[in-house]
Amino acid sequence: MKEQVVVLHGLALNSWWTCGLAASLRRAGYEVRNVSYRTRASDFQDIVDQFLYPLVQSLPPGKINFAVHSMGGLLVRLYARKYGTERIGRVVMIGTPNHGSEVADWLRGSRVVKFFLGEVGRNLGTKPGDLPAQIGPVTFDCGVIAGTSHWLHFPSSLIARIPKPNDGIVSVASTKIEGMKDHATVRSDHSLMVWNPRVWRLTKSFLKNGKFST
């Protein structure tokens, strides 16, 4: 039986945005589930309970690997905290704000954020009361990829004063999480990281070997 990989997109996106990553994993021989979920319809725990948990339960027995962009990594961390790691194999987090994003801090009171991004978007900040600070270390095999180019999101990077290096939304420092097995950086913007061939190669390397190749 082929190894399984679930691919999760980030906030306000859908599975189309991660189709290139998913296709790369399929070519490498994985059974891939590239799925969409409603990022602004609920809070984080609701998404885990109503979407991610049933998805995991629907898959054949055995370990499930994950390749996840941005907030998708937070969902896997929440899943592990509530439901355990028995079904979780290796996880690659791509641009995940494991310690939050200063952009979310900056936009916290914005009506635009409340309307378009919902409660989830308002809870992605760097404060102690925000979700990223409350989940705890990872307890599964996890590799993290961070971006160092912020040209696409240059205004938000500048105005929100994101520490450098960053990908325009998330700083490299914020992607690092206690318990991770490996960390890599690529010269890529936050939104475009999942379209970066080097990210695809690094993802496949970690899923196969538990570490990133150089």
C-alpha atoms as a PDB file:
ATOM      1  CA  MET A   1       0.000   0.000   0.000  1.00  0.00           C
ATOM      2  CA  LYS A   2       1.245   3.482  -0.852  1.00  0.00           C
ATOM      3  CA  GLU A   3       2.132   5.872   1.957  1.00  0.00           C
ATOM      4  CA  GLN A   4      -0.581   8.459   2.535  1.00  0.00           C
ATOM      5  CA  VAL A   5      -0.081  12.221   2.531  1.00  0.00           C
ATOM      6  CA  VAL A   6      -2.725  14.793   3.401  1.00  0.00           C
ATOM      7  CA  VAL A   7      -2.047  18.248   1.924  1.00  0.00           C
ATOM      8  CA  LEU A   8      -3.620  21.223   3.707  1.00  0.00           C
ATOM      9  CA  HIS A   9      -3.732  24.803   2.391  1.00  0.00           C
ATOM     10  CA  GLY A  10      -3.564  28.008   4.378  1.00  0.00           C
ATOM     11  CA  LEU A  11      -5.983  30.738   5.402  1.00  0.00           C
ATOM     12  CA  ALA A  12      -8.515  31.987   2.836  1.00  0.00           C
ATOM     13  CA  LEU A  13      -7.211  29.582   0.173  1.00  0.00           C
ATOM     14  CA  ASN A  14      -8.310  26.199  -1.195  1.00  0.00           C
ATOM     15  CA  SER A  15      -6.879  22.973  -2.584  1.00  0.00           C
ATOM     16  CA  TRP A  16      -6.151  24.582  -5.951  1.00  0.00           C
ATOM     17  CA  TRP A  17      -3.392  26.587  -4.291  1.00  0.00           C
ATOM     18  CA  THR A  18      -1.621  23.405  -3.191  1.00  0.00           C
ATOM     19  CA  CYS A  19      -2.261  21.335  -6.336  1.00  0.00           C
ATOM     20  CA  GLY A  20       1.340  21.719  -7.557  1.00  0.00           C
ATOM     21  CA  LEU A  21       2.723  20.380  -4.280  1.00  0.00           C
ATOM     22  CA  ALA A  22       0.166  17.563  -4.337  1.00  0.00           C
ATOM     23  CA  ALA A  23       1.081  16.618  -7.912  1.00  0.00           C
ATOM     24  CA  SER A  24       4.777  16.522  -7.008  1.00  0.00           C
ATOM     25  CA  LEU A  25       4.031  14.132  -4.141  1.00  0.00           C
ATOM     26  CA  ARG A  26       1.890  11.909  -6.360  1.00  0.00           C
ATOM     27  CA  ARG A  27       4.738  11.652  -8.873  1.00  0.00           C
ATOM     28  CA  ALA A  28       6.948  10.504  -5.993  1.00  0.00           C
ATOM     29  CA  GLY A  29       4.587   7.593  -5.374  1.00  0.00           C
ATOM     30  CA  TYR A  30       2.439   8.828  -2.494  1.00  0.00           C
ATOM     31  CA  GLU A  31      -1.321   8.450  -2.154  1.00  0.00           C
ATOM     32  CA  VAL A  32      -2.285  12.115  -1.803  1.00  0.00           C
ATOM     33  CA  ARG A  33      -5.416  13.756  -0.437  1.00  0.00           C
ATOM     34  CA  ASN A  34      -5.332  17.441  -1.374  1.00  0.00           C
ATOM     35  CA  VAL A  35      -8.416  18.830   0.316  1.00  0.00           C
ATOM     36  CA  SER A  36     -10.230  22.138   0.762  1.00  0.00           C
ATOM     37  CA  TYR A  37     -11.768  23.298   4.024  1.00  0.00           C
ATOM     38  CA  ARG A  38     -13.637  26.416   5.058  1.00  0.00           C
ATOM     39  CA  THR A  39     -11.000  28.463   6.839  1.00  0.00           C
ATOM     40  CA  ARG A  40     -13.252  31.356   7.860  1.00  0.00           C
ATOM     41  CA  ALA A  41     -16.400  29.436   8.792  1.00  0.00           C
ATOM     42  CA  SER A  42     -15.304  28.371  12.279  1.00  0.00           C
ATOM     43  CA  ASP A  43     -12.605  28.730  14.882  1.00  0.00           C
ATOM     44  CA  PHE A  44      -9.539  26.510  14.863  1.00  0.00           C
ATOM     45  CA  GLN A  45     -10.857  23.774  17.120  1.00  0.00           C
ATOM     46  CA  ASP A  46     -14.100  23.552  15.147  1.00  0.00           C
ATOM     47  CA  ILE A  47     -12.103  23.000  11.954  1.00  0.00           C
ATOM     48  CA  VAL A  48     -10.123  20.233  13.636  1.00  0.00           C
ATOM     49  CA  ASP A  49     -13.199  18.553  15.102  1.00  0.00           C
ATOM     50  CA  GLN A  50     -15.509  18.928  12.132  1.00  0.00           C
ATOM     51  CA  PHE A  51     -13.056  18.533   9.266  1.00  0.00           C
ATOM     52  CA  LEU A  52      -9.617  17.158  10.121  1.00  0.00           C
ATOM     53  CA  TYR A  53     -10.636  14.466  12.605  1.00  0.00           C
ATOM     54  CA  PRO A  54     -13.337  12.990  10.307  1.00  0.00           C
ATOM     55  CA  LEU A  55     -10.881  13.118   7.395  1.00  0.00           C
ATOM     56  CA  VAL A  56      -8.268  11.138   9.334  1.00  0.00           C
ATOM     57  CA  GLN A  57     -10.919   8.636  10.444  1.00  0.00           C
ATOM     58  CA  SER A  58     -12.018   8.115   6.853  1.00  0.00           C
ATOM     59  CA  LEU A  59      -8.550   7.079   5.650  1.00  0.00           C
ATOM     60  CA  PRO A  60      -7.211   3.500   5.707  1.00  0.00           C
ATOM     61  CA  PRO A  61      -5.509   2.343   8.910  1.00  0.00           C
ATOM     62  CA  GLY A  62      -1.907   3.337   9.449  1.00  0.00           C
ATOM     63  CA  LYS A  63       0.212   6.429   9.701  1.00  0.00           C
ATOM     64  CA  ILE A  64      -0.731   9.532   7.711  1.00  0.00           C
ATOM     65  CA  ASN A  65       1.888  12.028   6.605  1.00  0.00           C
ATOM     66  CA  PHE A  66       1.049  15.714   6.223  1.00  0.00           C
ATOM     67  CA  ALA A  67       2.382  18.475   3.966  1.00  0.00           C
ATOM     68  CA  VAL A  68       0.783  21.670   5.225  1.00  0.00           C
ATOM     69  CA  HIS A  69       0.966  25.334   4.336  1.00  0.00           C
ATOM     70  CA  SER A  70       0.713  28.169   6.863  1.00  0.00           C
ATOM     71  CA  MET A  71      -2.213  27.710   9.292  1.00  0.00           C
ATOM     72  CA  GLY A  72      -2.543  24.094   8.159  1.00  0.00           C
ATOM     73  CA  GLY A  73       0.361  23.344  10.476  1.00  0.00           C
ATOM     74  CA  LEU A  74      -1.510  24.777  13.436  1.00  0.00           C
ATOM     75  CA  LEU A  75      -4.437  22.481  12.664  1.00  0.00           C
ATOM     76  CA  VAL A  76      -2.177  19.415  12.782  1.00  0.00           C
ATOM     77  CA  ARG A  77      -0.687  20.599  16.073  1.00  0.00           C
ATOM     78  CA  LEU A  78      -4.188  21.061  17.513  1.00  0.00           C
ATOM     79  CA  TYR A  79      -5.234  17.645  16.238  1.00  0.00           C
ATOM     80  CA  ALA A  80      -2.226  16.040  17.940  1.00  0.00           C
ATOM     81  CA  ARG A  81      -2.953  17.794  21.221  1.00  0.00           C
ATOM     82  CA  LYS A  82      -6.576  16.615  21.366  1.00  0.00           C
ATOM     83  CA  TYR A  83      -6.557  13.287  19.523  1.00  0.00           C
ATOM     84  CA  GLY A  84      -2.972  12.125  19.951  1.00  0.00           C
ATOM     85  CA  THR A  85      -0.267  11.179  17.463  1.00  0.00           C
ATOM     86  CA  GLU A  86      -1.129   7.540  16.787  1.00  0.00           C
ATOM     87  CA  ARG A  87      -2.213   8.307  13.204  1.00  0.00           C
ATOM     88  CA  ILE A  88       0.347  11.034  12.511  1.00  0.00           C
ATOM     89  CA  GLY A  89       3.430  10.100  10.498  1.00  0.00           C
ATOM     90  CA  ARG A  90       5.864  12.746   9.300  1.00  0.00           C
ATOM     91  CA  VAL A  91       4.738  16.341   8.938  1.00  0.00           C
ATOM     92  CA  VAL A  92       6.228  19.108   6.808  1.00  0.00           C
ATOM     93  CA  MET A  93       5.099  22.606   7.784  1.00  0.00           C
ATOM     94  CA  ILE A  94       5.562  25.260   5.109  1.00  0.00           C
ATOM     95  CA  GLY A  95       5.513  28.846   6.377  1.00  0.00           C
ATOM     96  CA  THR A  96       3.494  27.932   9.470  1.00  0.00           C
ATOM     97  CA  PRO A  97       3.289  30.795  12.011  1.00  0.00           C
ATOM     98  CA  ASN A  98       4.087  28.570  14.972  1.00  0.00           C
ATOM     99  CA  HIS A  99       4.564  31.635  17.156  1.00  0.00           C
ATOM    100  CA  GLY A 100       2.045  33.826  15.327  1.00  0.00           C
ATOM    101  CA  SER A 101       2.358  36.660  12.833  1.00  0.00           C
ATOM    102  CA  GLU A 102       2.845  40.362  13.478  1.00  0.00           C
ATOM    103  CA  VAL A 103       0.526  40.996  10.525  1.00  0.00           C
ATOM    104  CA  ALA A 104      -2.325  39.477  12.538  1.00  0.00           C
ATOM    105  CA  ASP A 105      -1.389  41.753  15.455  1.00  0.00           C
ATOM    106  CA  TRP A 106      -1.459  44.777  13.166  1.00  0.00           C
ATOM    107  CA  LEU A 107      -4.818  43.876  11.610  1.00  0.00           C
ATOM    108  CA  ARG A 108      -6.494  42.660  14.793  1.00  0.00           C
ATOM    109  CA  GLY A 109      -9.079  45.427  14.997  1.00  0.00           C
ATOM    110  CA  SER A 110      -9.766  45.640  11.287  1.00  0.00           C
ATOM    111  CA  ARG A 111     -13.321  45.036  10.096  1.00  0.00           C
ATOM    112  CA  VAL A 112     -11.862  43.696   6.858  1.00  0.00           C
ATOM    113  CA  VAL A 113     -10.073  40.935   8.773  1.00  0.00           C
ATOM    114  CA  LYS A 114     -13.217  40.084  10.718  1.00  0.00           C
ATOM    115  CA  PHE A 115     -15.314  39.872   7.552  1.00  0.00           C
ATOM    116  CA  PHE A 116     -12.918  38.093   5.190  1.00  0.00           C
ATOM    117  CA  LEU A 117     -10.768  36.018   7.546  1.00  0.00           C
ATOM    118  CA  GLY A 118     -13.161  35.371  10.417  1.00  0.00           C
ATOM    119  CA  GLU A 119     -12.255  34.444  13.973  1.00  0.00           C
ATOM    120  CA  VAL A 120      -9.394  32.277  12.785  1.00  0.00           C
ATOM    121  CA  GLY A 121      -7.623  35.222  11.167  1.00  0.00           C
ATOM    122  CA  ARG A 122      -8.002  37.308  14.303  1.00  0.00           C
ATOM    123  CA  ASN A 123      -6.414  34.584  16.436  1.00  0.00           C
ATOM    124  CA  LEU A 124      -3.141  34.208  14.527  1.00  0.00           C
ATOM    125  CA  GLY A 125      -1.194  36.895  16.385  1.00  0.00           C
ATOM    126  CA  THR A 126       1.904  36.728  18.534  1.00  0.00           C
ATOM    127  CA  LYS A 127       0.286  37.514  21.900  1.00  0.00           C
ATOM    128  CA  PRO A 128       0.137  35.005  24.787  1.00  0.00           C
ATOM    129  CA  GLY A 129      -3.635  34.753  24.384  1.00  0.00           C
ATOM    130  CA  ASP A 130      -3.457  33.902  20.675  1.00  0.00           C
ATOM    131  CA  LEU A 131      -3.694  30.315  19.519  1.00  0.00           C
ATOM    132  CA  PRO A 132      -0.093  29.750  18.351  1.00  0.00           C
ATOM    133  CA  ALA A 133       1.210  30.428  21.862  1.00  0.00           C
ATOM    134  CA  GLN A 134      -1.212  28.009  23.495  1.00  0.00           C
ATOM    135  CA  ILE A 135      -0.679  24.732  21.643  1.00  0.00           C
ATOM    136  CA  GLY A 136       2.727  23.663  22.951  1.00  0.00           C
ATOM    137  CA  PRO A 137       5.647  21.802  21.340  1.00  0.00           C
ATOM    138  CA  VAL A 138       5.245  19.246  18.572  1.00  0.00           C
ATOM    139  CA  THR A 139       5.234  15.589  19.615  1.00  0.00           C
ATOM    140  CA  PHE A 140       5.590  14.036  16.160  1.00  0.00           C
ATOM    141  CA  ASP A 141       8.257  13.950  13.432  1.00  0.00           C
ATOM    142  CA  CYS A 142       8.136  17.484  12.063  1.00  0.00           C
ATOM    143  CA  GLY A 143      10.223  19.425   9.565  1.00  0.00           C
ATOM    144  CA  VAL A 144       9.668  23.148   9.019  1.00  0.00           C
ATOM    145  CA  ILE A 145      10.348  25.191   5.880  1.00  0.00           C
ATOM    146  CA  ALA A 146      10.500  28.990   6.144  1.00  0.00           C
ATOM    147  CA  GLY A 147      10.616  31.666   3.457  1.00  0.00           C
ATOM    148  CA  THR A 148      13.070  34.563   3.366  1.00  0.00           C
ATOM    149  CA  SER A 149      11.678  36.711   0.521  1.00  0.00           C
ATOM    150  CA  HIS A 150       8.929  39.243   1.211  1.00  0.00           C
ATOM    151  CA  TRP A 151       8.647  41.088  -2.098  1.00  0.00           C
ATOM    152  CA  LEU A 152       4.997  40.148  -2.690  1.00  0.00           C
ATOM    153  CA  HIS A 153       3.960  41.156   0.815  1.00  0.00           C
ATOM    154  CA  PHE A 154       6.471  43.969   1.210  1.00  0.00           C
ATOM    155  CA  PRO A 155       3.938  46.566   2.501  1.00  0.00           C
ATOM    156  CA  SER A 156       2.628  44.299   5.246  1.00  0.00           C
ATOM    157  CA  SER A 157       6.139  43.202   6.159  1.00  0.00           C
ATOM    158  CA  LEU A 158       7.218  46.809   6.555  1.00  0.00           C
ATOM    159  CA  ILE A 159       4.128  48.210   8.280  1.00  0.00           C
ATOM    160  CA  ALA A 160       3.718  45.297  10.680  1.00  0.00           C
ATOM    161  CA  ARG A 161       7.450  45.370  11.452  1.00  0.00           C
ATOM    162  CA  ILE A 162       7.981  41.655  11.023  1.00  0.00           C
ATOM    163  CA  PRO A 163      11.461  40.672  12.236  1.00  0.00           C
ATOM    164  CA  LYS A 164      13.862  39.829   9.415  1.00  0.00           C
ATOM    165  CA  PRO A 165      14.320  37.454   7.747  1.00  0.00           C
ATOM    166  CA  ASN A 166      10.681  36.858   6.891  1.00  0.00           C
ATOM    167  CA  ASP A 167       8.405  35.800   4.042  1.00  0.00           C
ATOM    168  CA  GLY A 168       6.229  38.920   4.178  1.00  0.00           C
ATOM    169  CA  ILE A 169       3.740  37.363   6.609  1.00  0.00           C
ATOM    170  CA  VAL A 170       5.729  35.131   8.973  1.00  0.00           C
ATOM    171  CA  SER A 171       9.264  35.557  10.290  1.00  0.00           C
ATOM    172  CA  VAL A 172      11.733  32.698  10.057  1.00  0.00           C
ATOM    173  CA  ALA A 173      11.997  32.747  13.847  1.00  0.00           C
ATOM    174  CA  SER A 174       8.239  32.301  14.217  1.00  0.00           C
ATOM    175  CA  THR A 175       8.219  29.151  12.095  1.00  0.00           C
ATOM    176  CA  LYS A 176      10.562  27.321  14.478  1.00  0.00           C
ATOM    177  CA  ILE A 177       8.871  25.163  17.096  1.00  0.00           C
ATOM    178  CA  GLU A 178      10.130  23.110  20.009  1.00  0.00           C
ATOM    179  CA  GLY A 179      10.328  19.441  19.111  1.00  0.00           C
ATOM    180  CA  MET A 180      10.886  19.855  15.370  1.00  0.00           C
ATOM    181  CA  LYS A 181      13.409  17.492  13.767  1.00  0.00           C
ATOM    182  CA  ASP A 182      14.758  19.797  11.070  1.00  0.00           C
ATOM    183  CA  HIS A 183      14.434  23.320   9.688  1.00  0.00           C
ATOM    184  CA  ALA A 184      15.181  24.775   6.246  1.00  0.00           C
ATOM    185  CA  THR A 185      14.843  28.146   4.532  1.00  0.00           C
ATOM    186  CA  VAL A 186      14.069  28.957   0.912  1.00  0.00           C
ATOM    187  CA  ARG A 187      14.151  32.262  -0.906  1.00  0.00           C
ATOM    188  CA  SER A 188      10.410  32.475  -1.398  1.00  0.00           C
ATOM    189  CA  ASP A 189       7.388  34.550  -0.449  1.00  0.00           C
ATOM    190  CA  HIS A 190       4.785  33.217   2.011  1.00  0.00           C
ATOM    191  CA  SER A 191       1.971  32.736  -0.484  1.00  0.00           C
ATOM    192  CA  LEU A 192       4.137  31.326  -3.271  1.00  0.00           C
ATOM    193  CA  MET A 193       6.154  28.844  -1.222  1.00  0.00           C
ATOM    194  CA  VAL A 194       3.912  25.913  -2.137  1.00  0.00           C
ATOM    195  CA  TRP A 195       4.691  26.558  -5.820  1.00  0.00           C
ATOM    196  CA  ASN A 196       8.454  26.507  -5.266  1.00  0.00           C
ATOM    197  CA  PRO A 197      10.173  23.385  -6.723  1.00  0.00           C
ATOM    198  CA  ARG A 198      12.792  23.475  -3.958  1.00  0.00           C
ATOM    199  CA  VAL A 199      10.007  23.336  -1.372  1.00  0.00           C
ATOM    200  CA  TRP A 200       8.640  20.288  -3.205  1.00  0.00           C
ATOM    201  CA  ARG A 201      12.051  18.611  -3.094  1.00  0.00           C
ATOM    202  CA  LEU A 202      12.577  19.405   0.579  1.00  0.00           C
ATOM    203  CA  THR A 203       9.113  18.124   1.425  1.00  0.00           C
ATOM    204  CA  LYS A 204       9.725  14.808  -0.314  1.00  0.00           C
ATOM    205  CA  SER A 205      13.125  14.505   1.353  1.00  0.00           C
ATOM    206  CA  PHE A 206      11.704  14.910   4.846  1.00  0.00           C
ATOM    207  CA  LEU A 207       8.772  12.565   4.217  1.00  0.00           C
ATOM    208  CA  LYS A 208      11.184   9.899   2.976  1.00  0.00           C
ATOM    209  CA  ASN A 209      14.184  10.365   5.281  1.00  0.00           C
ATOM    210  CA  GLY A 210      12.993  12.409   8.276  1.00  0.00           C
ATOM    211  CA  LYS A 211      15.380  15.231   7.385  1.00  0.00           C
ATOM    212  CA  PHE A 212      15.893  17.861   4.703  1.00  0.00           C
ATOM    213  CA  SER A 213      18.501  17.291   2.031  1.00  0.00           C
ATOM    214  CA  THR A 214      20.737  20.207   1.107  1.00  0.00           C
END
